[in-house]
Amino acid sequence: MEEYLRLIPKRNDEIQLKKLDDKYYLLIPMDSPLDFLAKRLHGDYRKLELDEIGAFVWNFCDGTITIEQIGKKLKEKFGKEAEPLYERLITFILELYKRNLVSLGGINE
């Protein structure tokens, strides 16, 4: 887990965070030729709903601070509500990475 804490997440600049009706969404552009039908049915963006903690983390994925530093900010704001802190945070950021919503830097740089 220690090696993950040194990673620096940077959000994909094409993805937008929007708050609609008290819910947070990542708006992911559908720009692949394979998205043609989905685009006609659902518009130009795919929506991924985030809770308040997820939206808070997303805003700090700016390519300037480590996962460990994000965790400290998360603990300051949400306290025990964010527990288990680093397990949850790392899992969330790795899921964003798998979906190409963030890149991860910091190892061997």
N, C-alpha and C. Protein backbone atom coordinates (compact mmCIF):
# COMPACT_ATOMS: atom_id res chain seq x y z
N MET A 1 0.83 -1.19 0.00
CA MET A 1 0.00 0.00 0.00
C MET A 1 0.87 1.26 0.00
N GLU A 2 2.02 1.18 0.62
CA GLU A 2 2.91 2.34 0.74
C GLU A 2 3.25 2.96 -0.62
N GLU A 3 3.49 2.10 -1.62
CA GLU A 3 3.86 2.63 -2.94
C GLU A 3 2.70 3.40 -3.59
N TYR A 4 1.47 3.01 -3.30
CA TYR A 4 0.32 3.73 -3.85
C TYR A 4 0.20 5.14 -3.25
N LEU A 5 0.58 5.28 -2.00
CA LEU A 5 0.45 6.58 -1.33
C LEU A 5 1.33 7.65 -1.96
N ARG A 6 2.39 7.24 -2.64
CA ARG A 6 3.30 8.20 -3.28
C ARG A 6 2.85 8.59 -4.69
N LEU A 7 1.83 7.92 -5.21
CA LEU A 7 1.35 8.24 -6.56
C LEU A 7 0.65 9.60 -6.57
N ILE A 8 0.74 10.25 -7.72
CA ILE A 8 0.13 11.58 -7.90
C ILE A 8 -0.94 11.47 -9.00
N PRO A 9 -2.21 11.46 -8.60
CA PRO A 9 -3.28 11.36 -9.61
C PRO A 9 -3.55 12.69 -10.31
N LYS A 10 -3.78 12.60 -11.61
CA LYS A 10 -4.14 13.79 -12.41
C LYS A 10 -5.37 13.44 -13.24
N ARG A 11 -6.42 14.21 -13.04
CA ARG A 11 -7.67 13.93 -13.75
C ARG A 11 -7.52 14.21 -15.24
N ASN A 12 -8.27 13.47 -16.02
CA ASN A 12 -8.35 13.67 -17.46
C ASN A 12 -9.05 15.02 -17.69
N ASP A 13 -8.40 15.91 -18.41
CA ASP A 13 -8.94 17.26 -18.62
C ASP A 13 -10.24 17.28 -19.41
N GLU A 14 -10.57 16.20 -20.10
CA GLU A 14 -11.81 16.16 -20.87
C GLU A 14 -13.02 15.84 -20.00
N ILE A 15 -12.78 15.39 -18.78
CA ILE A 15 -13.86 15.00 -17.88
C ILE A 15 -14.25 16.19 -17.02
N GLN A 16 -15.55 16.42 -16.89
CA GLN A 16 -16.05 17.53 -16.08
C GLN A 16 -16.80 16.98 -14.88
N LEU A 17 -16.68 17.68 -13.76
CA LEU A 17 -17.48 17.37 -12.58
C LEU A 17 -18.60 18.40 -12.52
N LYS A 18 -19.83 17.91 -12.43
CA LYS A 18 -21.00 18.80 -12.34
C LYS A 18 -21.87 18.37 -11.17
N LYS A 19 -22.47 19.36 -10.52
CA LYS A 19 -23.44 19.08 -9.47
C LYS A 19 -24.82 19.37 -10.04
N LEU A 20 -25.66 18.35 -10.08
CA LEU A 20 -27.01 18.48 -10.61
C LEU A 20 -27.99 17.91 -9.59
N ASP A 21 -28.94 18.71 -9.16
CA ASP A 21 -29.95 18.26 -8.20
C ASP A 21 -29.32 17.63 -6.96
N ASP A 22 -28.34 18.29 -6.38
CA ASP A 22 -27.65 17.84 -5.16
C ASP A 22 -26.90 16.52 -5.32
N LYS A 23 -26.61 16.13 -6.54
CA LYS A 23 -25.79 14.94 -6.80
C LYS A 23 -24.61 15.37 -7.66
N TYR A 24 -23.50 14.67 -7.49
CA TYR A 24 -22.30 14.95 -8.27
C TYR A 24 -22.16 13.93 -9.39
N TYR A 25 -21.77 14.42 -10.56
CA TYR A 25 -21.57 13.54 -11.71
C TYR A 25 -20.27 13.89 -12.43
N LEU A 26 -19.56 12.85 -12.86
CA LEU A 26 -18.49 13.07 -13.82
C LEU A 26 -19.13 12.94 -15.19
N LEU A 27 -18.91 13.93 -16.04
CA LEU A 27 -19.43 13.90 -17.41
C LEU A 27 -18.30 13.48 -18.32
N ILE A 28 -18.45 12.29 -18.89
CA ILE A 28 -17.41 11.67 -19.71
C ILE A 28 -17.83 11.76 -21.17
N PRO A 29 -17.07 12.48 -21.99
CA PRO A 29 -17.47 12.62 -23.40
C PRO A 29 -17.51 11.27 -24.11
N MET A 30 -18.54 11.10 -24.91
CA MET A 30 -18.64 9.89 -25.74
C MET A 30 -18.14 10.28 -27.13
N ASP A 31 -16.87 10.02 -27.37
CA ASP A 31 -16.28 10.46 -28.64
C ASP A 31 -15.74 9.32 -29.49
N SER A 32 -15.95 8.10 -29.05
CA SER A 32 -15.53 6.95 -29.84
C SER A 32 -16.58 6.67 -30.92
N PRO A 33 -16.15 6.20 -32.09
CA PRO A 33 -17.13 5.82 -33.11
C PRO A 33 -18.12 4.77 -32.60
N LEU A 34 -17.68 3.97 -31.64
CA LEU A 34 -18.56 2.95 -31.07
C LEU A 34 -19.66 3.55 -30.19
N ASP A 35 -19.50 4.80 -29.80
CA ASP A 35 -20.48 5.47 -28.95
C ASP A 35 -21.62 6.11 -29.74
N PHE A 36 -21.64 5.92 -31.05
CA PHE A 36 -22.62 6.59 -31.91
C PHE A 36 -24.06 6.38 -31.42
N LEU A 37 -24.46 5.14 -31.21
CA LEU A 37 -25.84 4.86 -30.80
C LEU A 37 -26.12 5.40 -29.40
N ALA A 38 -25.20 5.17 -28.48
CA ALA A 38 -25.39 5.67 -27.12
C ALA A 38 -25.51 7.19 -27.11
N LYS A 39 -24.76 7.84 -27.95
CA LYS A 39 -24.80 9.30 -28.05
C LYS A 39 -26.18 9.77 -28.52
N ARG A 40 -26.73 9.06 -29.47
CA ARG A 40 -28.07 9.42 -29.98
C ARG A 40 -29.13 9.23 -28.91
N LEU A 41 -28.95 8.23 -28.05
CA LEU A 41 -29.94 7.95 -27.02
C LEU A 41 -29.76 8.80 -25.76
N HIS A 42 -28.51 9.08 -25.40
CA HIS A 42 -28.24 9.69 -24.09
C HIS A 42 -27.53 11.03 -24.14
N GLY A 43 -27.22 11.55 -25.30
CA GLY A 43 -26.50 12.82 -25.39
C GLY A 43 -25.01 12.62 -25.55
N ASP A 44 -24.27 13.70 -25.41
CA ASP A 44 -22.84 13.69 -25.69
C ASP A 44 -21.98 13.13 -24.56
N TYR A 45 -22.57 12.94 -23.37
CA TYR A 45 -21.78 12.52 -22.22
C TYR A 45 -22.36 11.29 -21.54
N ARG A 46 -21.46 10.48 -21.03
CA ARG A 46 -21.81 9.39 -20.14
C ARG A 46 -21.68 9.98 -18.73
N LYS A 47 -22.61 9.67 -17.83
CA LYS A 47 -22.57 10.21 -16.47
C LYS A 47 -22.14 9.12 -15.49
N LEU A 48 -21.23 9.49 -14.61
CA LEU A 48 -20.81 8.61 -13.53
C LEU A 48 -21.09 9.35 -12.23
N GLU A 49 -22.01 8.81 -11.42
CA GLU A 49 -22.39 9.50 -10.19
C GLU A 49 -21.33 9.29 -9.10
N LEU A 50 -21.02 10.36 -8.39
CA LEU A 50 -20.09 10.32 -7.27
C LEU A 50 -20.79 10.79 -6.01
N ASP A 51 -20.37 10.25 -4.87
CA ASP A 51 -20.86 10.80 -3.61
C ASP A 51 -20.02 12.02 -3.25
N GLU A 52 -20.31 12.64 -2.13
CA GLU A 52 -19.60 13.87 -1.75
C GLU A 52 -18.10 13.61 -1.55
N ILE A 53 -17.76 12.47 -0.99
CA ILE A 53 -16.35 12.14 -0.79
C ILE A 53 -15.65 11.95 -2.13
N GLY A 54 -16.29 11.25 -3.06
CA GLY A 54 -15.71 11.06 -4.39
C GLY A 54 -15.49 12.38 -5.11
N ALA A 55 -16.44 13.29 -5.01
CA ALA A 55 -16.30 14.61 -5.65
C ALA A 55 -15.17 15.40 -5.00
N PHE A 56 -15.04 15.29 -3.69
CA PHE A 56 -13.96 15.97 -2.97
C PHE A 56 -12.60 15.46 -3.46
N VAL A 57 -12.47 14.14 -3.56
CA VAL A 57 -11.22 13.53 -4.03
C VAL A 57 -10.94 13.97 -5.47
N TRP A 58 -11.95 13.92 -6.33
CA TRP A 58 -11.77 14.30 -7.74
C TRP A 58 -11.16 15.69 -7.87
N ASN A 59 -11.62 16.61 -7.06
CA ASN A 59 -11.12 17.99 -7.13
C ASN A 59 -9.64 18.10 -6.77
N PHE A 60 -9.12 17.15 -6.01
CA PHE A 60 -7.70 17.17 -5.64
C PHE A 60 -6.84 16.33 -6.59
N CYS A 61 -7.43 15.68 -7.56
CA CYS A 61 -6.66 14.92 -8.55
C CYS A 61 -6.19 15.88 -9.64
N ASP A 62 -5.34 16.81 -9.23
CA ASP A 62 -4.90 17.87 -10.14
C ASP A 62 -3.46 17.72 -10.60
N GLY A 63 -2.83 16.60 -10.23
CA GLY A 63 -1.46 16.36 -10.66
C GLY A 63 -0.40 17.05 -9.82
N THR A 64 -0.80 17.60 -8.66
CA THR A 64 0.17 18.31 -7.83
C THR A 64 0.42 17.66 -6.47
N ILE A 65 -0.50 16.81 -6.00
CA ILE A 65 -0.31 16.21 -4.67
C ILE A 65 -0.49 14.70 -4.73
N THR A 66 0.09 14.03 -3.74
CA THR A 66 0.06 12.56 -3.69
C THR A 66 -1.26 12.06 -3.11
N ILE A 67 -1.47 10.77 -3.28
CA ILE A 67 -2.64 10.13 -2.68
C ILE A 67 -2.60 10.29 -1.16
N GLU A 68 -1.41 10.18 -0.58
CA GLU A 68 -1.29 10.36 0.87
C GLU A 68 -1.75 11.76 1.29
N GLN A 69 -1.36 12.78 0.55
CA GLN A 69 -1.77 14.15 0.87
C GLN A 69 -3.27 14.34 0.69
N ILE A 70 -3.83 13.72 -0.34
CA ILE A 70 -5.29 13.78 -0.54
C ILE A 70 -5.98 13.13 0.66
N GLY A 71 -5.43 12.00 1.12
CA GLY A 71 -5.99 11.31 2.28
C GLY A 71 -6.02 12.19 3.52
N LYS A 72 -4.96 12.95 3.73
CA LYS A 72 -4.92 13.85 4.90
C LYS A 72 -6.01 14.91 4.80
N LYS A 73 -6.21 15.45 3.61
CA LYS A 73 -7.27 16.46 3.41
C LYS A 73 -8.65 15.83 3.61
N LEU A 74 -8.79 14.60 3.15
CA LEU A 74 -10.04 13.87 3.30
C LEU A 74 -10.36 13.65 4.77
N LYS A 75 -9.35 13.26 5.53
CA LYS A 75 -9.54 13.02 6.96
C LYS A 75 -9.91 14.31 7.69
N GLU A 76 -9.27 15.43 7.31
CA GLU A 76 -9.60 16.72 7.92
C GLU A 76 -11.06 17.09 7.71
N LYS A 77 -11.55 16.85 6.50
CA LYS A 77 -12.92 17.27 6.15
C LYS A 77 -13.98 16.28 6.63
N PHE A 78 -13.73 14.97 6.46
CA PHE A 78 -14.78 13.98 6.70
C PHE A 78 -14.57 13.12 7.95
N GLY A 79 -13.37 13.16 8.54
CA GLY A 79 -13.13 12.40 9.76
C GLY A 79 -13.42 10.92 9.59
N LYS A 80 -14.12 10.35 10.56
CA LYS A 80 -14.40 8.91 10.57
C LYS A 80 -15.29 8.46 9.41
N GLU A 81 -16.04 9.39 8.84
CA GLU A 81 -16.91 9.06 7.71
C GLU A 81 -16.11 8.51 6.52
N ALA A 82 -14.83 8.89 6.43
CA ALA A 82 -13.99 8.46 5.31
C ALA A 82 -13.27 7.13 5.58
N GLU A 83 -13.43 6.58 6.77
CA GLU A 83 -12.74 5.33 7.12
C GLU A 83 -13.39 4.14 6.43
N PRO A 84 -12.61 3.11 6.10
CA PRO A 84 -11.16 2.98 6.20
C PRO A 84 -10.49 3.85 5.13
N LEU A 85 -9.82 4.86 5.57
CA LEU A 85 -9.37 5.97 4.73
C LEU A 85 -8.55 5.56 3.51
N TYR A 86 -7.36 5.05 3.72
CA TYR A 86 -6.46 4.82 2.59
C TYR A 86 -6.89 3.63 1.73
N GLU A 87 -7.47 2.60 2.33
CA GLU A 87 -7.96 1.48 1.53
C GLU A 87 -9.05 1.96 0.57
N ARG A 88 -9.94 2.75 1.10
CA ARG A 88 -11.06 3.27 0.30
C ARG A 88 -10.57 4.25 -0.77
N LEU A 89 -9.66 5.13 -0.39
CA LEU A 89 -9.13 6.14 -1.31
C LEU A 89 -8.35 5.49 -2.45
N ILE A 90 -7.49 4.55 -2.13
CA ILE A 90 -6.69 3.87 -3.15
C ILE A 90 -7.59 3.10 -4.10
N THR A 91 -8.57 2.39 -3.57
CA THR A 91 -9.50 1.63 -4.41
C THR A 91 -10.23 2.57 -5.37
N PHE A 92 -10.70 3.70 -4.88
CA PHE A 92 -11.41 4.67 -5.72
C PHE A 92 -10.51 5.22 -6.82
N ILE A 93 -9.30 5.64 -6.47
CA ILE A 93 -8.40 6.22 -7.47
C ILE A 93 -7.98 5.17 -8.49
N LEU A 94 -7.75 3.94 -8.06
CA LEU A 94 -7.39 2.88 -9.02
C LEU A 94 -8.56 2.59 -9.97
N GLU A 95 -9.78 2.68 -9.48
CA GLU A 95 -10.94 2.50 -10.36
C GLU A 95 -11.02 3.63 -11.39
N LEU A 96 -10.76 4.85 -10.97
CA LEU A 96 -10.71 5.97 -11.91
C LEU A 96 -9.62 5.75 -12.95
N TYR A 97 -8.48 5.23 -12.51
CA TYR A 97 -7.36 4.95 -13.41
C TYR A 97 -7.73 3.88 -14.44
N LYS A 98 -8.39 2.82 -13.99
CA LYS A 98 -8.79 1.74 -14.91
C LYS A 98 -9.74 2.25 -15.99
N ARG A 99 -10.53 3.25 -15.65
CA ARG A 99 -11.49 3.82 -16.61
C ARG A 99 -10.90 4.98 -17.42
N ASN A 100 -9.59 5.20 -17.27
CA ASN A 100 -8.88 6.29 -17.96
C ASN A 100 -9.42 7.68 -17.60
N LEU A 101 -9.90 7.81 -16.38
CA LEU A 101 -10.40 9.10 -15.92
C LEU A 101 -9.30 9.90 -15.22
N VAL A 102 -8.27 9.20 -14.72
CA VAL A 102 -7.09 9.85 -14.15
C VAL A 102 -5.85 9.13 -14.66
N SER A 103 -4.74 9.84 -14.66
CA SER A 103 -3.44 9.21 -14.88
C SER A 103 -2.71 9.24 -13.54
N LEU A 104 -1.72 8.37 -13.40
CA LEU A 104 -0.98 8.29 -12.14
C LEU A 104 0.49 8.52 -12.41
N GLY A 105 1.06 9.49 -11.74
CA GLY A 105 2.49 9.78 -11.85
C GLY A 105 3.14 9.61 -10.50
N GLY A 106 4.45 9.79 -10.49
CA GLY A 106 5.14 9.79 -9.21
C GLY A 106 6.08 8.63 -8.97
N ILE A 107 5.91 7.52 -9.69
CA ILE A 107 6.82 6.39 -9.51
C ILE A 107 7.95 6.51 -10.51
N ASN A 108 9.16 6.44 -10.02
CA ASN A 108 10.37 6.49 -10.87
C ASN A 108 10.42 7.75 -11.72
N GLU A 109 9.92 8.85 -11.21
CA GLU A 109 9.99 10.11 -11.97
C GLU A 109 11.03 11.01 -11.35
